[in-house]
Amino acid sequence: MRARLIVALGLLSSAPAWAAEPSGCDKFKWPIDQARAALTAQDRLKAASGDELSIPAKAILALKPSTDAKLPHPPERKTKDGTFAGFLRFKSVPKAGAYTVNLSSGAWIDVVQDGEQLKPMAFSGATDCDGIRKTVKFDLSAGPFIVQISNAAENSISLAVLPAE
């Protein structure tokens, strides 16, 4: 009986390792070269929360404390104390279809179009990949949309919105 308990405790103590995120640039579910280049480009725009951009977009978004961010729509995930948030507006989509929202560091992404939060088509992320941390695919229709960022640890984040490869 005691041996079973020891084995069970040993398995439970290693459980967080099972849930660990992938590590390394080769662990993303789809090619990230274009997104990574956009996120680290020298010519990224410096954007303030609420600015309007066009696709393809590559920017360093200045974020505000979550309590002051005044996001247009409540984030799908509750904001944590001490985190930062912000949003960008996009006037239109060049062509309806799949687009990726890519981030340089960990944060929550909400995309809102026609007043509705869109569900992601797919997402991928990995640690230990210089320049990119997360990429999420959304199916966008023609027309304006908003990208909201929340639960960011820092007060700025590099963001790229690109047609999916």
N, C-alpha and C. Protein backbone atom coordinates (compact mmCIF):
# COMPACT_ATOMS: atom_id res chain seq x y z
N MET A 1 0.83 -1.19 0.00
CA MET A 1 0.00 0.00 0.00
C MET A 1 0.88 1.26 0.00
N ARG A 2 1.89 1.24 0.83
CA ARG A 2 2.78 2.40 0.94
C ARG A 2 3.53 2.61 -0.38
N ALA A 3 3.92 1.53 -1.03
CA ALA A 3 4.63 1.64 -2.31
C ALA A 3 3.73 2.29 -3.37
N ARG A 4 2.46 1.93 -3.39
CA ARG A 4 1.52 2.53 -4.33
C ARG A 4 1.38 4.04 -4.09
N LEU A 5 1.32 4.42 -2.83
CA LEU A 5 1.21 5.82 -2.48
C LEU A 5 2.44 6.59 -2.95
N ILE A 6 3.60 6.04 -2.77
CA ILE A 6 4.85 6.69 -3.20
C ILE A 6 4.86 6.85 -4.72
N VAL A 7 4.46 5.80 -5.44
CA VAL A 7 4.41 5.88 -6.91
C VAL A 7 3.40 6.94 -7.34
N ALA A 8 2.22 6.95 -6.72
CA ALA A 8 1.19 7.93 -7.08
C ALA A 8 1.68 9.35 -6.81
N LEU A 9 2.31 9.59 -5.70
CA LEU A 9 2.83 10.92 -5.39
C LEU A 9 3.94 11.31 -6.37
N GLY A 10 4.75 10.37 -6.75
CA GLY A 10 5.80 10.64 -7.73
C GLY A 10 5.23 11.05 -9.08
N LEU A 11 4.19 10.38 -9.52
CA LEU A 11 3.55 10.73 -10.78
C LEU A 11 2.88 12.10 -10.71
N LEU A 12 2.22 12.39 -9.61
CA LEU A 12 1.56 13.69 -9.46
C LEU A 12 2.57 14.83 -9.41
N SER A 13 3.71 14.61 -8.78
CA SER A 13 4.70 15.69 -8.69
C SER A 13 5.31 16.02 -10.05
N SER A 14 5.26 15.10 -11.00
CA SER A 14 5.81 15.37 -12.32
C SER A 14 4.75 15.90 -13.29
N ALA A 15 3.49 16.00 -12.84
CA ALA A 15 2.40 16.45 -13.72
C ALA A 15 2.66 17.80 -14.36
N PRO A 16 3.19 18.82 -13.66
CA PRO A 16 3.43 20.10 -14.34
C PRO A 16 4.37 19.97 -15.53
N ALA A 17 5.28 19.05 -15.52
CA ALA A 17 6.18 18.85 -16.66
C ALA A 17 5.39 18.36 -17.87
N TRP A 18 4.34 17.58 -17.65
CA TRP A 18 3.53 17.10 -18.77
C TRP A 18 2.83 18.27 -19.45
N ALA A 19 2.43 19.28 -18.69
CA ALA A 19 1.68 20.40 -19.23
C ALA A 19 2.58 21.53 -19.72
N ALA A 20 3.88 21.38 -19.61
CA ALA A 20 4.80 22.44 -20.01
C ALA A 20 4.65 22.76 -21.49
N GLU A 21 4.79 24.05 -21.81
CA GLU A 21 4.68 24.46 -23.21
C GLU A 21 5.93 24.03 -23.97
N PRO A 22 5.78 23.85 -25.28
CA PRO A 22 6.93 23.48 -26.09
C PRO A 22 8.01 24.57 -26.02
N SER A 23 9.23 24.18 -26.24
CA SER A 23 10.36 25.11 -26.18
C SER A 23 11.13 25.06 -27.50
N GLY A 24 11.37 26.23 -28.09
CA GLY A 24 12.16 26.31 -29.31
C GLY A 24 11.33 26.71 -30.51
N CYS A 25 11.97 27.38 -31.45
CA CYS A 25 11.29 27.91 -32.64
C CYS A 25 10.72 26.81 -33.53
N ASP A 26 11.28 25.63 -33.47
CA ASP A 26 10.80 24.53 -34.31
C ASP A 26 9.55 23.85 -33.74
N LYS A 27 9.06 24.32 -32.61
CA LYS A 27 7.91 23.68 -31.97
C LYS A 27 6.57 24.33 -32.32
N PHE A 28 6.58 25.41 -33.09
CA PHE A 28 5.33 26.01 -33.51
C PHE A 28 4.62 25.08 -34.49
N LYS A 29 3.30 25.17 -34.56
CA LYS A 29 2.50 24.26 -35.39
C LYS A 29 2.53 24.61 -36.87
N TRP A 30 2.97 25.82 -37.22
CA TRP A 30 3.07 26.24 -38.62
C TRP A 30 4.28 27.15 -38.76
N PRO A 31 4.72 27.42 -39.98
CA PRO A 31 5.91 28.26 -40.18
C PRO A 31 5.73 29.66 -39.57
N ILE A 32 6.77 30.13 -38.89
CA ILE A 32 6.69 31.42 -38.22
C ILE A 32 7.72 32.42 -38.74
N ASP A 33 8.45 32.06 -39.79
CA ASP A 33 9.54 32.93 -40.26
C ASP A 33 9.05 34.34 -40.60
N GLN A 34 7.95 34.45 -41.33
CA GLN A 34 7.42 35.76 -41.72
C GLN A 34 6.97 36.56 -40.49
N ALA A 35 6.27 35.92 -39.59
CA ALA A 35 5.79 36.59 -38.38
C ALA A 35 6.96 37.02 -37.49
N ARG A 36 7.91 36.14 -37.33
CA ARG A 36 9.08 36.45 -36.50
C ARG A 36 9.86 37.63 -37.08
N ALA A 37 10.00 37.67 -38.39
CA ALA A 37 10.69 38.80 -39.04
C ALA A 37 9.92 40.10 -38.81
N ALA A 38 8.59 40.05 -38.90
CA ALA A 38 7.78 41.25 -38.68
C ALA A 38 7.87 41.73 -37.23
N LEU A 39 7.89 40.80 -36.29
CA LEU A 39 7.94 41.15 -34.87
C LEU A 39 9.28 41.74 -34.45
N THR A 40 10.32 41.48 -35.21
CA THR A 40 11.65 41.97 -34.84
C THR A 40 12.19 43.02 -35.81
N ALA A 41 11.38 43.41 -36.81
CA ALA A 41 11.82 44.37 -37.82
C ALA A 41 12.16 45.72 -37.19
N GLN A 42 13.16 46.37 -37.73
CA GLN A 42 13.56 47.69 -37.24
C GLN A 42 12.50 48.75 -37.55
N ASP A 43 11.71 48.55 -38.60
CA ASP A 43 10.75 49.57 -39.03
C ASP A 43 9.34 49.38 -38.47
N ARG A 44 9.21 48.68 -37.33
CA ARG A 44 7.90 48.54 -36.70
C ARG A 44 7.38 49.91 -36.27
N LEU A 45 6.09 50.12 -36.44
CA LEU A 45 5.46 51.36 -36.00
C LEU A 45 5.40 51.39 -34.48
N LYS A 46 5.47 52.56 -33.92
CA LYS A 46 5.21 52.72 -32.49
C LYS A 46 3.76 53.14 -32.38
N ALA A 47 2.94 52.28 -31.81
CA ALA A 47 1.50 52.51 -31.76
C ALA A 47 1.03 52.69 -30.33
N ALA A 48 0.06 53.57 -30.16
CA ALA A 48 -0.60 53.75 -28.88
C ALA A 48 -1.90 52.96 -28.89
N SER A 49 -2.34 52.58 -27.73
CA SER A 49 -3.60 51.86 -27.63
C SER A 49 -4.71 52.71 -28.24
N GLY A 50 -5.51 52.10 -29.13
CA GLY A 50 -6.59 52.79 -29.80
C GLY A 50 -6.25 53.25 -31.21
N ASP A 51 -4.96 53.20 -31.59
CA ASP A 51 -4.56 53.61 -32.94
C ASP A 51 -5.18 52.71 -33.99
N GLU A 52 -5.26 53.23 -35.23
CA GLU A 52 -5.76 52.45 -36.35
C GLU A 52 -4.61 52.10 -37.28
N LEU A 53 -4.50 50.84 -37.64
CA LEU A 53 -3.44 50.35 -38.51
C LEU A 53 -4.06 49.65 -39.72
N SER A 54 -3.21 49.32 -40.68
CA SER A 54 -3.61 48.55 -41.85
C SER A 54 -2.85 47.23 -41.87
N ILE A 55 -3.43 46.26 -42.56
CA ILE A 55 -2.78 44.95 -42.73
C ILE A 55 -1.94 45.00 -44.00
N PRO A 56 -0.72 44.48 -44.02
CA PRO A 56 -0.04 43.83 -42.91
C PRO A 56 0.41 44.87 -41.89
N ALA A 57 0.36 44.50 -40.63
CA ALA A 57 0.73 45.42 -39.55
C ALA A 57 1.87 44.83 -38.74
N LYS A 58 2.82 45.68 -38.41
CA LYS A 58 3.88 45.30 -37.48
C LYS A 58 4.15 46.53 -36.63
N ALA A 59 3.96 46.36 -35.33
CA ALA A 59 4.02 47.51 -34.44
C ALA A 59 4.52 47.11 -33.06
N ILE A 60 5.01 48.12 -32.36
CA ILE A 60 5.28 48.00 -30.93
C ILE A 60 4.13 48.74 -30.27
N LEU A 61 3.27 48.01 -29.62
CA LEU A 61 2.07 48.59 -29.02
C LEU A 61 2.35 48.97 -27.58
N ALA A 62 2.18 50.27 -27.27
CA ALA A 62 2.29 50.74 -25.89
C ALA A 62 1.01 50.33 -25.15
N LEU A 63 1.17 49.63 -24.05
CA LEU A 63 0.04 49.14 -23.27
C LEU A 63 -0.14 49.99 -22.02
N LYS A 64 -1.32 49.91 -21.44
CA LYS A 64 -1.65 50.64 -20.22
C LYS A 64 -1.94 49.63 -19.12
N PRO A 65 -1.87 50.04 -17.86
CA PRO A 65 -2.32 49.13 -16.81
C PRO A 65 -3.74 48.66 -17.14
N SER A 66 -4.01 47.41 -16.91
CA SER A 66 -5.31 46.83 -17.29
C SER A 66 -6.49 47.65 -16.77
N THR A 67 -6.35 48.23 -15.58
CA THR A 67 -7.44 49.00 -14.99
C THR A 67 -7.69 50.31 -15.75
N ASP A 68 -6.71 50.78 -16.53
CA ASP A 68 -6.83 52.04 -17.27
C ASP A 68 -6.96 51.86 -18.78
N ALA A 69 -6.97 50.64 -19.27
CA ALA A 69 -6.86 50.38 -20.71
C ALA A 69 -8.10 50.75 -21.51
N LYS A 70 -9.26 50.75 -20.91
CA LYS A 70 -10.52 51.10 -21.59
C LYS A 70 -10.70 50.32 -22.89
N LEU A 71 -10.58 48.99 -22.79
CA LEU A 71 -10.79 48.14 -23.96
C LEU A 71 -12.24 48.29 -24.44
N PRO A 72 -12.46 48.29 -25.76
CA PRO A 72 -13.82 48.45 -26.29
C PRO A 72 -14.78 47.32 -25.90
N HIS A 73 -14.24 46.12 -25.68
CA HIS A 73 -15.06 44.95 -25.32
C HIS A 73 -14.40 44.25 -24.14
N PRO A 74 -15.17 43.69 -23.23
CA PRO A 74 -14.57 42.95 -22.12
C PRO A 74 -13.74 41.78 -22.67
N PRO A 75 -12.52 41.60 -22.17
CA PRO A 75 -11.72 40.46 -22.64
C PRO A 75 -12.39 39.14 -22.27
N GLU A 76 -12.17 38.14 -23.11
CA GLU A 76 -12.75 36.82 -22.85
C GLU A 76 -12.18 36.23 -21.56
N ARG A 77 -10.91 36.49 -21.30
CA ARG A 77 -10.27 35.99 -20.09
C ARG A 77 -10.14 37.14 -19.09
N LYS A 78 -10.49 36.89 -17.85
CA LYS A 78 -10.42 37.91 -16.80
C LYS A 78 -8.98 38.44 -16.68
N THR A 79 -8.87 39.77 -16.54
CA THR A 79 -7.54 40.37 -16.41
C THR A 79 -7.00 40.16 -15.00
N LYS A 80 -5.70 39.96 -14.96
CA LYS A 80 -5.02 39.74 -13.68
C LYS A 80 -4.47 41.06 -13.17
N ASP A 81 -4.42 41.20 -11.87
CA ASP A 81 -3.85 42.40 -11.26
C ASP A 81 -2.40 42.57 -11.70
N GLY A 82 -2.01 43.82 -11.93
CA GLY A 82 -0.62 44.11 -12.26
C GLY A 82 -0.25 43.84 -13.71
N THR A 83 -1.25 43.56 -14.56
CA THR A 83 -0.94 43.30 -15.98
C THR A 83 -1.32 44.51 -16.82
N PHE A 84 -0.98 44.44 -18.10
CA PHE A 84 -1.19 45.55 -19.02
C PHE A 84 -2.09 45.11 -20.18
N ALA A 85 -2.74 46.12 -20.80
CA ALA A 85 -3.66 45.83 -21.89
C ALA A 85 -3.69 47.00 -22.87
N GLY A 86 -4.23 46.73 -24.06
CA GLY A 86 -4.38 47.76 -25.07
C GLY A 86 -5.08 47.17 -26.28
N PHE A 87 -5.35 48.04 -27.26
CA PHE A 87 -6.04 47.56 -28.46
C PHE A 87 -5.65 48.38 -29.67
N LEU A 88 -5.85 47.78 -30.82
CA LEU A 88 -5.64 48.43 -32.11
C LEU A 88 -6.88 48.23 -32.96
N ARG A 89 -7.19 49.24 -33.74
CA ARG A 89 -8.31 49.17 -34.68
C ARG A 89 -7.76 48.95 -36.09
N PHE A 90 -8.48 48.18 -36.87
CA PHE A 90 -8.12 47.95 -38.27
C PHE A 90 -9.33 48.32 -39.10
N LYS A 91 -9.12 49.20 -40.09
CA LYS A 91 -10.22 49.73 -40.90
C LYS A 91 -10.85 48.66 -41.77
N SER A 92 -10.02 47.77 -42.31
CA SER A 92 -10.58 46.73 -43.17
C SER A 92 -9.59 45.59 -43.34
N VAL A 93 -10.11 44.51 -43.86
CA VAL A 93 -9.31 43.34 -44.21
C VAL A 93 -9.13 43.38 -45.73
N PRO A 94 -7.89 43.29 -46.24
CA PRO A 94 -7.70 43.35 -47.69
C PRO A 94 -8.51 42.30 -48.45
N LYS A 95 -8.59 41.12 -47.88
CA LYS A 95 -9.31 40.01 -48.50
C LYS A 95 -9.77 39.09 -47.37
N ALA A 96 -11.05 38.73 -47.37
CA ALA A 96 -11.55 37.84 -46.33
C ALA A 96 -10.74 36.54 -46.33
N GLY A 97 -10.50 36.02 -45.14
CA GLY A 97 -9.75 34.77 -45.03
C GLY A 97 -9.02 34.66 -43.70
N ALA A 98 -8.03 33.78 -43.66
CA ALA A 98 -7.28 33.50 -42.44
C ALA A 98 -6.13 34.49 -42.27
N TYR A 99 -6.05 35.02 -41.05
CA TYR A 99 -4.98 35.95 -40.67
C TYR A 99 -4.42 35.51 -39.33
N THR A 100 -3.15 35.83 -39.10
CA THR A 100 -2.55 35.52 -37.81
C THR A 100 -2.30 36.80 -37.03
N VAL A 101 -2.52 36.71 -35.73
CA VAL A 101 -2.12 37.75 -34.79
C VAL A 101 -0.96 37.14 -34.02
N ASN A 102 0.20 37.80 -34.09
CA ASN A 102 1.44 37.27 -33.53
C ASN A 102 1.96 38.20 -32.46
N LEU A 103 2.44 37.63 -31.36
CA LEU A 103 2.95 38.43 -30.25
C LEU A 103 4.37 38.03 -29.90
N SER A 104 5.14 39.02 -29.45
CA SER A 104 6.52 38.78 -29.05
C SER A 104 6.63 38.15 -27.66
N SER A 105 5.62 38.34 -26.83
CA SER A 105 5.64 37.79 -25.48
C SER A 105 4.24 37.34 -25.10
N GLY A 106 4.14 36.67 -23.98
CA GLY A 106 2.86 36.09 -23.57
C GLY A 106 1.82 37.15 -23.22
N ALA A 107 0.61 36.97 -23.71
CA ALA A 107 -0.54 37.83 -23.41
C ALA A 107 -1.77 37.17 -24.01
N TRP A 108 -2.94 37.67 -23.64
CA TRP A 108 -4.20 37.15 -24.17
C TRP A 108 -4.60 38.00 -25.37
N ILE A 109 -5.10 37.35 -26.42
CA ILE A 109 -5.54 38.03 -27.65
C ILE A 109 -7.05 37.83 -27.81
N ASP A 110 -7.76 38.94 -28.01
CA ASP A 110 -9.15 38.90 -28.42
C ASP A 110 -9.26 39.65 -29.74
N VAL A 111 -9.98 39.09 -30.70
CA VAL A 111 -10.26 39.77 -31.95
C VAL A 111 -11.78 39.96 -32.01
N VAL A 112 -12.20 41.21 -32.25
CA VAL A 112 -13.61 41.55 -32.26
C VAL A 112 -13.96 42.09 -33.64
N GLN A 113 -14.98 41.50 -34.26
CA GLN A 113 -15.44 41.97 -35.56
C GLN A 113 -16.96 41.95 -35.55
N ASP A 114 -17.58 43.00 -36.05
CA ASP A 114 -19.04 43.13 -36.05
C ASP A 114 -19.63 42.97 -34.64
N GLY A 115 -18.90 43.47 -33.64
CA GLY A 115 -19.37 43.42 -32.26
C GLY A 115 -19.26 42.07 -31.58
N GLU A 116 -18.69 41.09 -32.26
CA GLU A 116 -18.57 39.73 -31.71
C GLU A 116 -17.11 39.33 -31.55
N GLN A 117 -16.81 38.67 -30.43
CA GLN A 117 -15.46 38.13 -30.25
C GLN A 117 -15.33 36.88 -31.11
N LEU A 118 -14.32 36.87 -31.96
CA LEU A 118 -14.11 35.73 -32.84
C LEU A 118 -13.39 34.61 -32.10
N LYS A 119 -13.77 33.40 -32.41
CA LYS A 119 -13.08 32.23 -31.86
C LYS A 119 -11.88 31.94 -32.76
N PRO A 120 -10.74 31.64 -32.17
CA PRO A 120 -9.57 31.32 -33.00
C PRO A 120 -9.77 30.04 -33.80
N MET A 121 -9.21 30.03 -35.01
CA MET A 121 -9.19 28.82 -35.83
C MET A 121 -8.16 27.84 -35.27
N ALA A 122 -7.04 28.40 -34.82
CA ALA A 122 -5.93 27.60 -34.29
C ALA A 122 -4.99 28.54 -33.55
N PHE A 123 -4.18 27.98 -32.68
CA PHE A 123 -3.18 28.78 -32.00
C PHE A 123 -1.93 27.94 -31.78
N SER A 124 -0.81 28.62 -31.60
CA SER A 124 0.44 27.93 -31.34
C SER A 124 1.33 28.85 -30.53
N GLY A 125 2.15 28.28 -29.72
CA GLY A 125 3.08 29.07 -28.92
C GLY A 125 4.24 28.20 -28.49
N ALA A 126 5.33 28.85 -28.20
CA ALA A 126 6.51 28.15 -27.70
C ALA A 126 7.37 29.14 -26.93
N THR A 127 8.04 28.64 -25.94
CA THR A 127 8.99 29.45 -25.20
C THR A 127 10.36 29.32 -25.86
N ASP A 128 11.27 30.17 -25.47
CA ASP A 128 12.67 30.10 -25.94
C ASP A 128 12.80 30.22 -27.45
N CYS A 129 12.02 31.11 -28.05
CA CYS A 129 12.15 31.42 -29.46
C CYS A 129 12.25 32.94 -29.55
N ASP A 130 13.43 33.44 -29.80
CA ASP A 130 13.68 34.87 -29.79
C ASP A 130 12.76 35.61 -30.77
N GLY A 131 12.00 36.58 -30.26
CA GLY A 131 11.18 37.43 -31.10
C GLY A 131 9.72 37.07 -31.18
N ILE A 132 9.36 35.83 -30.96
CA ILE A 132 7.94 35.42 -31.05
C ILE A 132 7.61 34.45 -29.93
N ARG A 133 6.43 34.62 -29.37
CA ARG A 133 5.98 33.76 -28.28
C ARG A 133 4.66 33.06 -28.61
N LYS A 134 3.82 33.76 -29.41
CA LYS A 134 2.47 33.24 -29.63
C LYS A 134 1.98 33.66 -30.99
N THR A 135 1.22 32.77 -31.66
CA THR A 135 0.58 33.08 -32.93
C THR A 135 -0.81 32.43 -32.93
N VAL A 136 -1.80 33.23 -33.34
CA VAL A 136 -3.19 32.76 -33.31
C VAL A 136 -3.83 33.08 -34.66
N LYS A 137 -4.51 32.09 -35.26
CA LYS A 137 -5.19 32.28 -36.55
C LYS A 137 -6.67 32.59 -36.33
N PHE A 138 -7.13 33.60 -37.09
CA PHE A 138 -8.54 33.98 -37.07
C PHE A 138 -9.05 34.05 -38.49
N ASP A 139 -10.32 33.71 -38.68
CA ASP A 139 -10.99 33.84 -39.97
C ASP A 139 -11.70 35.19 -39.97
N LEU A 140 -11.18 36.13 -40.76
CA LEU A 140 -11.73 37.48 -40.79
C LEU A 140 -12.55 37.70 -42.06
N SER A 141 -13.67 38.37 -41.91
CA SER A 141 -14.48 38.76 -43.07
C SER A 141 -14.09 40.18 -43.46
N ALA A 142 -14.53 40.62 -44.61
CA ALA A 142 -14.23 41.98 -45.04
C ALA A 142 -14.85 42.95 -44.03
N GLY A 143 -14.14 44.00 -43.73
CA GLY A 143 -14.66 45.00 -42.80
C GLY A 143 -13.73 45.26 -41.65
N PRO A 144 -14.07 46.24 -40.82
CA PRO A 144 -13.21 46.61 -39.70
C PRO A 144 -13.20 45.55 -38.60
N PHE A 145 -12.13 45.58 -37.81
CA PHE A 145 -12.03 44.69 -36.65
C PHE A 145 -11.09 45.32 -35.63
N ILE A 146 -11.09 44.75 -34.44
CA ILE A 146 -10.26 45.23 -33.33
C ILE A 146 -9.45 44.07 -32.79
N VAL A 147 -8.18 44.32 -32.49
CA VAL A 147 -7.34 43.35 -31.79
C VAL A 147 -7.10 43.91 -30.39
N GLN A 148 -7.50 43.15 -29.39
CA GLN A 148 -7.30 43.53 -27.99
C GLN A 148 -6.25 42.62 -27.37
N ILE A 149 -5.34 43.21 -26.62
CA ILE A 149 -4.30 42.48 -25.90
C ILE A 149 -4.54 42.71 -24.41
N SER A 150 -4.52 41.65 -23.62
CA SER A 150 -4.66 41.79 -22.17
C SER A 150 -3.77 40.77 -21.47
N ASN A 151 -3.62 40.96 -20.18
CA ASN A 151 -2.80 40.09 -19.34
C ASN A 151 -1.34 40.03 -19.78
N ALA A 152 -0.83 41.14 -20.32
CA ALA A 152 0.59 41.22 -20.68
C ALA A 152 1.39 41.59 -19.44
N ALA A 153 2.56 41.02 -19.31
CA ALA A 153 3.41 41.28 -18.14
C ALA A 153 4.14 42.62 -18.23
N GLU A 154 4.39 43.11 -19.44
CA GLU A 154 5.14 44.35 -19.65
C GLU A 154 4.22 45.43 -20.22
N ASN A 155 4.70 46.68 -20.24
CA ASN A 155 3.87 47.79 -20.72
C ASN A 155 3.99 48.05 -22.22
N SER A 156 4.63 47.15 -22.95
CA SER A 156 4.63 47.20 -24.42
C SER A 156 4.82 45.80 -24.96
N ILE A 157 4.37 45.62 -26.20
CA ILE A 157 4.47 44.30 -26.83
C ILE A 157 4.59 44.50 -28.32
N SER A 158 5.39 43.66 -28.95
CA SER A 158 5.50 43.68 -30.40
C SER A 158 4.39 42.78 -30.95
N LEU A 159 3.66 43.33 -31.94
CA LEU A 159 2.49 42.67 -32.49
C LEU A 159 2.55 42.73 -34.01
N ALA A 160 2.17 41.64 -34.67
CA ALA A 160 2.07 41.61 -36.13
C ALA A 160 0.77 40.92 -36.53
N VAL A 161 0.04 41.56 -37.45
CA VAL A 161 -1.18 40.97 -38.00
C VAL A 161 -0.90 40.76 -39.49
N LEU A 162 -0.93 39.50 -39.90
CA LEU A 162 -0.51 39.12 -41.25
C LEU A 162 -1.45 38.10 -41.87
N PRO A 163 -1.53 38.06 -43.21
CA PRO A 163 -2.27 36.96 -43.82
C PRO A 163 -1.61 35.64 -43.43
N ALA A 164 -2.42 34.63 -43.14
CA ALA A 164 -1.87 33.33 -42.76
C ALA A 164 -1.13 32.73 -43.94
N GLU A 165 -0.03 32.07 -43.63
CA GLU A 165 0.77 31.41 -44.69
C GLU A 165 0.12 30.11 -45.09
